[in-house]
Amino acid sequence: MAVLFYFVIRAIFNADRAEREAMARAEETRNAEDARNQESGREKNGEDDIDPT
């Protein structure tokens, strides 16, 4: 029983680690897309990051 318990717990932890890694990659991709969309929006609107003062 202890061996079975070990393998079940190990599988759960491995699945959790894989899910966390996938979520981190998805968040990085989403952040990169958001940054590109904001940059393209600025170019379309003619907005610059130049301080007018």
C-alpha atoms as a PDB file:
ATOM      1  CA  MET A   1       0.000   0.000   0.000  1.00  0.00           C
ATOM      2  CA  ALA A   2       2.816   2.390   0.823  1.00  0.00           C
ATOM      3  CA  VAL A   3       4.370   1.925  -2.626  1.00  0.00           C
ATOM      4  CA  LEU A   4       1.055   2.614  -4.331  1.00  0.00           C
ATOM      5  CA  PHE A   5       0.546   5.685  -2.163  1.00  0.00           C
ATOM      6  CA  TYR A   6       4.035   6.915  -3.094  1.00  0.00           C
ATOM      7  CA  PHE A   7       3.367   6.617  -6.836  1.00  0.00           C
ATOM      8  CA  VAL A   8      -0.026   8.304  -6.580  1.00  0.00           C
ATOM      9  CA  ILE A   9       1.365  11.242  -4.620  1.00  0.00           C
ATOM     10  CA  ARG A  10       4.323  11.530  -6.998  1.00  0.00           C
ATOM     11  CA  ALA A  11       1.959  11.603  -9.993  1.00  0.00           C
ATOM     12  CA  ILE A  12      -0.122  14.330  -8.357  1.00  0.00           C
ATOM     13  CA  PHE A  13       2.945  16.466  -7.670  1.00  0.00           C
ATOM     14  CA  ASN A  14       4.279  15.964 -11.203  1.00  0.00           C
ATOM     15  CA  ALA A  15       0.931  16.944 -12.694  1.00  0.00           C
ATOM     16  CA  ASP A  16       0.790  20.043 -10.482  1.00  0.00           C
ATOM     17  CA  ARG A  17       4.308  21.079 -11.486  1.00  0.00           C
ATOM     18  CA  ALA A  18       3.520  20.614 -15.176  1.00  0.00           C
ATOM     19  CA  GLU A  19       0.330  22.654 -14.835  1.00  0.00           C
ATOM     20  CA  ARG A  20       2.159  25.483 -13.072  1.00  0.00           C
ATOM     21  CA  GLU A  21       4.803  25.552 -15.819  1.00  0.00           C
ATOM     22  CA  ALA A  22       2.117  25.612 -18.516  1.00  0.00           C
ATOM     23  CA  MET A  23       0.279  28.437 -16.770  1.00  0.00           C
ATOM     24  CA  ALA A  24       3.504  30.439 -16.463  1.00  0.00           C
ATOM     25  CA  ARG A  25       4.220  29.993 -20.187  1.00  0.00           C
ATOM     26  CA  ALA A  26       0.651  31.003 -21.070  1.00  0.00           C
ATOM     27  CA  GLU A  27       0.903  34.109 -18.885  1.00  0.00           C
ATOM     28  CA  GLU A  28       4.222  35.099 -20.480  1.00  0.00           C
ATOM     29  CA  THR A  29       2.698  34.680 -23.942  1.00  0.00           C
ATOM     30  CA  ARG A  30      -0.355  36.724 -22.979  1.00  0.00           C
ATOM     31  CA  ASN A  31       1.813  39.498 -21.519  1.00  0.00           C
ATOM     32  CA  ALA A  32       3.937  39.610 -24.673  1.00  0.00           C
ATOM     33  CA  GLU A  33       0.816  39.809 -26.856  1.00  0.00           C
ATOM     34  CA  ASP A  34      -0.625  42.576 -24.676  1.00  0.00           C
ATOM     35  CA  ALA A  35       2.624  44.544 -24.955  1.00  0.00           C
ATOM     36  CA  ARG A  36       2.639  44.150 -28.748  1.00  0.00           C
ATOM     37  CA  ASN A  37      -1.018  45.201 -28.946  1.00  0.00           C
ATOM     38  CA  GLN A  38      -0.384  48.277 -26.819  1.00  0.00           C
ATOM     39  CA  GLU A  39       2.624  49.233 -28.948  1.00  0.00           C
ATOM     40  CA  SER A  40       0.701  48.809 -32.193  1.00  0.00           C
ATOM     41  CA  GLY A  41      -2.157  50.850 -30.709  1.00  0.00           C
ATOM     42  CA  ARG A  42       0.214  53.697 -29.940  1.00  0.00           C
ATOM     43  CA  GLU A  43       1.572  53.649 -33.472  1.00  0.00           C
ATOM     44  CA  LYS A  44      -1.931  53.746 -34.936  1.00  0.00           C
ATOM     45  CA  ASN A  45      -2.972  56.628 -32.679  1.00  0.00           C
ATOM     46  CA  GLY A  46       0.223  58.550 -33.266  1.00  0.00           C
ATOM     47  CA  GLU A  47       1.056  58.527 -29.567  1.00  0.00           C
ATOM     48  CA  ASP A  48       4.691  58.595 -28.499  1.00  0.00           C
ATOM     49  CA  ASP A  49       6.425  58.091 -25.201  1.00  0.00           C
ATOM     50  CA  ILE A  50       8.115  61.487 -25.539  1.00  0.00           C
ATOM     51  CA  ASP A  51       7.660  63.847 -22.606  1.00  0.00           C
ATOM     52  CA  PRO A  52       6.217  67.143 -23.987  1.00  0.00           C
ATOM     53  CA  THR A  53       7.800  69.279 -21.260  1.00  0.00           C
END
